[in-house]
Amino acid sequence: MKRSRASVRETKTWASAPERSLAQMTRRSADTKKPFREKVFVVVQKIPRGKTLTYKEVARRAGNPKAARAVGAILKTNFDPRIPCHRVIRSNGSIGGYNRGVDKKKKLLNEEQQKSR
């Protein structure tokens, strides 16, 4: 099994400081993901009514162009109505998923496009 440099460094750090618990190490690693999640929400909040972005474009604007699937996973867990995750679609133009159902996503997008005309 090939290890990344980061995981080797993390292992060495943990091994050299055994007083740090595994929970502390895991918490530290979870904190490194938090900023990307917040950046995704900021990008999505800025999408105007009647417009859409792709998961890939949201990932690029959030700082990690290869994280389109991560964007989908992040938005799947969003239930905050201030973050319009229904405005994010697939690169091929299809609707994609939505945590409140694909039919609801289609309805919201159609209503916003009607109002923005």
C-alpha atoms as a PDB file:
ATOM      1  CA  MET A   1       0.000   0.000   0.000  1.00  0.00           C
ATOM      2  CA  LYS A   2       1.376   3.351  -1.050  1.00  0.00           C
ATOM      3  CA  ARG A   3       1.102   6.152   1.507  1.00  0.00           C
ATOM      4  CA  SER A   4       0.922   9.846   0.829  1.00  0.00           C
ATOM      5  CA  ARG A   5       3.506  12.134   2.360  1.00  0.00           C
ATOM      6  CA  ALA A   6       0.830  13.794   4.446  1.00  0.00           C
ATOM      7  CA  SER A   7      -0.307  10.518   6.012  1.00  0.00           C
ATOM      8  CA  VAL A   8       3.300   9.525   6.738  1.00  0.00           C
ATOM      9  CA  ARG A   9       3.961  12.937   8.324  1.00  0.00           C
ATOM     10  CA  GLU A  10       0.733  12.604  10.345  1.00  0.00           C
ATOM     11  CA  THR A  11       1.778   9.132  11.531  1.00  0.00           C
ATOM     12  CA  LYS A  12       5.243  10.376  12.499  1.00  0.00           C
ATOM     13  CA  THR A  13       3.713  13.309  14.363  1.00  0.00           C
ATOM     14  CA  TRP A  14       1.395  10.998  16.267  1.00  0.00           C
ATOM     15  CA  ALA A  15       4.165   8.510  16.997  1.00  0.00           C
ATOM     16  CA  SER A  16       6.483  11.229  18.304  1.00  0.00           C
ATOM     17  CA  ALA A  17       3.773  12.634  20.573  1.00  0.00           C
ATOM     18  CA  PRO A  18       1.983   9.594  22.032  1.00  0.00           C
ATOM     19  CA  GLU A  19       0.347  11.724  24.715  1.00  0.00           C
ATOM     20  CA  ARG A  20      -1.944  13.094  22.007  1.00  0.00           C
ATOM     21  CA  SER A  21      -4.937  10.864  21.672  1.00  0.00           C
ATOM     22  CA  LEU A  22      -6.293   9.453  18.441  1.00  0.00           C
ATOM     23  CA  ALA A  23      -9.394  11.591  19.004  1.00  0.00           C
ATOM     24  CA  GLN A  24      -7.253  14.733  18.989  1.00  0.00           C
ATOM     25  CA  MET A  25      -5.567  13.656  15.755  1.00  0.00           C
ATOM     26  CA  THR A  26      -8.937  12.880  14.137  1.00  0.00           C
ATOM     27  CA  ARG A  27     -10.378  16.191  15.302  1.00  0.00           C
ATOM     28  CA  ARG A  28      -7.404  18.001  13.781  1.00  0.00           C
ATOM     29  CA  SER A  29      -7.925  16.217  10.475  1.00  0.00           C
ATOM     30  CA  ALA A  30     -11.663  17.019  10.506  1.00  0.00           C
ATOM     31  CA  ASP A  31     -10.873  20.702  11.103  1.00  0.00           C
ATOM     32  CA  THR A  32      -8.823  20.820   7.907  1.00  0.00           C
ATOM     33  CA  LYS A  33     -11.950  19.933   5.904  1.00  0.00           C
ATOM     34  CA  LYS A  34     -14.078  22.603   7.536  1.00  0.00           C
ATOM     35  CA  PRO A  35     -12.752  25.585   5.575  1.00  0.00           C
ATOM     36  CA  PHE A  36     -13.519  23.949   2.209  1.00  0.00           C
ATOM     37  CA  ARG A  37     -17.067  23.237   3.383  1.00  0.00           C
ATOM     38  CA  GLU A  38     -17.514  26.861   4.394  1.00  0.00           C
ATOM     39  CA  LYS A  39     -16.055  28.057   1.088  1.00  0.00           C
ATOM     40  CA  VAL A  40     -18.553  25.871  -0.787  1.00  0.00           C
ATOM     41  CA  PHE A  41     -21.438  27.435   1.126  1.00  0.00           C
ATOM     42  CA  VAL A  42     -20.133  30.946   0.417  1.00  0.00           C
ATOM     43  CA  VAL A  43     -19.836  30.211  -3.321  1.00  0.00           C
ATOM     44  CA  VAL A  44     -23.326  28.700  -3.468  1.00  0.00           C
ATOM     45  CA  GLN A  45     -24.855  31.606  -1.539  1.00  0.00           C
ATOM     46  CA  LYS A  46     -23.567  33.974  -4.244  1.00  0.00           C
ATOM     47  CA  ILE A  47     -25.354  32.196  -7.120  1.00  0.00           C
ATOM     48  CA  PRO A  48     -28.078  34.624  -8.262  1.00  0.00           C
ATOM     49  CA  ARG A  49     -31.717  33.601  -8.682  1.00  0.00           C
ATOM     50  CA  GLY A  50     -32.408  32.058 -12.056  1.00  0.00           C
ATOM     51  CA  LYS A  51     -28.736  31.101 -12.557  1.00  0.00           C
ATOM     52  CA  THR A  52     -26.900  27.838 -11.930  1.00  0.00           C
ATOM     53  CA  LEU A  53     -23.352  26.606 -11.473  1.00  0.00           C
ATOM     54  CA  THR A  54     -21.965  23.115 -11.907  1.00  0.00           C
ATOM     55  CA  TYR A  55     -20.571  21.076  -9.029  1.00  0.00           C
ATOM     56  CA  LYS A  56     -17.192  21.332 -10.770  1.00  0.00           C
ATOM     57  CA  GLU A  57     -17.369  25.132 -11.010  1.00  0.00           C
ATOM     58  CA  VAL A  58     -18.363  25.424  -7.342  1.00  0.00           C
ATOM     59  CA  ALA A  59     -15.385  23.229  -6.425  1.00  0.00           C
ATOM     60  CA  ARG A  60     -13.059  25.383  -8.558  1.00  0.00           C
ATOM     61  CA  ARG A  61     -14.311  28.611  -7.003  1.00  0.00           C
ATOM     62  CA  ALA A  62     -14.000  27.102  -3.520  1.00  0.00           C
ATOM     63  CA  GLY A  63     -10.350  26.349  -4.193  1.00  0.00           C
ATOM     64  CA  ASN A  64     -10.228  22.673  -5.184  1.00  0.00           C
ATOM     65  CA  PRO A  65     -11.140  22.034  -8.833  1.00  0.00           C
ATOM     66  CA  LYS A  66     -10.992  18.241  -8.422  1.00  0.00           C
ATOM     67  CA  ALA A  67     -13.513  18.145  -5.569  1.00  0.00           C
ATOM     68  CA  ALA A  68     -16.798  18.193  -7.498  1.00  0.00           C
ATOM     69  CA  ARG A  69     -17.990  15.010  -5.776  1.00  0.00           C
ATOM     70  CA  ALA A  70     -17.091  16.485  -2.377  1.00  0.00           C
ATOM     71  CA  VAL A  71     -19.238  19.523  -3.235  1.00  0.00           C
ATOM     72  CA  GLY A  72     -22.157  17.179  -3.884  1.00  0.00           C
ATOM     73  CA  ALA A  73     -21.597  15.416  -0.570  1.00  0.00           C
ATOM     74  CA  ILE A  74     -21.416  18.741   1.269  1.00  0.00           C
ATOM     75  CA  LEU A  75     -24.574  20.103  -0.329  1.00  0.00           C
ATOM     76  CA  LYS A  76     -26.423  16.849   0.344  1.00  0.00           C
ATOM     77  CA  THR A  77     -26.126  17.574   4.069  1.00  0.00           C
ATOM     78  CA  ASN A  78     -27.300  21.194   3.781  1.00  0.00           C
ATOM     79  CA  PHE A  79     -30.734  22.011   5.178  1.00  0.00           C
ATOM     80  CA  ASP A  80     -30.149  25.753   5.616  1.00  0.00           C
ATOM     81  CA  PRO A  81     -32.640  27.619   3.389  1.00  0.00           C
ATOM     82  CA  ARG A  82     -30.197  30.543   3.045  1.00  0.00           C
ATOM     83  CA  ILE A  83     -27.895  28.312   0.988  1.00  0.00           C
ATOM     84  CA  PRO A  84     -29.597  27.655  -2.365  1.00  0.00           C
ATOM     85  CA  CYS A  85     -27.992  24.312  -3.152  1.00  0.00           C
ATOM     86  CA  HIS A  86     -30.718  23.604  -5.733  1.00  0.00           C
ATOM     87  CA  ARG A  87     -28.851  26.018  -8.047  1.00  0.00           C
ATOM     88  CA  VAL A  88     -25.971  23.566  -8.473  1.00  0.00           C
ATOM     89  CA  ILE A  89     -26.254  21.136 -11.392  1.00  0.00           C
ATOM     90  CA  ARG A  90     -24.137  18.516 -13.155  1.00  0.00           C
ATOM     91  CA  SER A  91     -21.575  19.440 -15.811  1.00  0.00           C
ATOM     92  CA  ASN A  92     -23.608  17.667 -18.501  1.00  0.00           C
ATOM     93  CA  GLY A  93     -26.569  19.964 -17.794  1.00  0.00           C
ATOM     94  CA  SER A  94     -28.697  17.405 -15.978  1.00  0.00           C
ATOM     95  CA  ILE A  95     -30.293  18.280 -12.658  1.00  0.00           C
ATOM     96  CA  GLY A  96     -28.300  16.079 -10.272  1.00  0.00           C
ATOM     97  CA  GLY A  97     -29.415  15.242  -6.755  1.00  0.00           C
ATOM     98  CA  TYR A  98     -31.152  17.305  -4.111  1.00  0.00           C
ATOM     99  CA  ASN A  99     -31.713  16.497  -0.454  1.00  0.00           C
ATOM    100  CA  ARG A 100     -35.390  17.467  -0.703  1.00  0.00           C
ATOM    101  CA  GLY A 101     -35.995  15.450  -3.883  1.00  0.00           C
ATOM    102  CA  VAL A 102     -35.212  15.985  -7.556  1.00  0.00           C
ATOM    103  CA  ASP A 103     -38.801  17.043  -8.333  1.00  0.00           C
ATOM    104  CA  LYS A 104     -38.552  19.835  -5.756  1.00  0.00           C
ATOM    105  CA  LYS A 105     -35.230  20.937  -7.276  1.00  0.00           C
ATOM    106  CA  LYS A 106     -36.749  21.098 -10.769  1.00  0.00           C
ATOM    107  CA  LYS A 107     -39.726  23.071  -9.443  1.00  0.00           C
ATOM    108  CA  LEU A 108     -37.512  25.602  -7.631  1.00  0.00           C
ATOM    109  CA  LEU A 109     -35.272  26.104 -10.670  1.00  0.00           C
ATOM    110  CA  ASN A 110     -38.254  26.584 -12.987  1.00  0.00           C
ATOM    111  CA  GLU A 111     -39.893  29.087 -10.613  1.00  0.00           C
ATOM    112  CA  GLU A 112     -36.680  31.105 -10.307  1.00  0.00           C
ATOM    113  CA  GLN A 113     -36.138  31.156 -14.066  1.00  0.00           C
ATOM    114  CA  GLN A 114     -39.721  32.359 -14.588  1.00  0.00           C
ATOM    115  CA  LYS A 115     -39.322  35.180 -12.055  1.00  0.00           C
ATOM    116  CA  SER A 116     -35.933  36.299 -13.390  1.00  0.00           C
ATOM    117  CA  ARG A 117     -37.278  36.989 -16.889  1.00  0.00           C
END
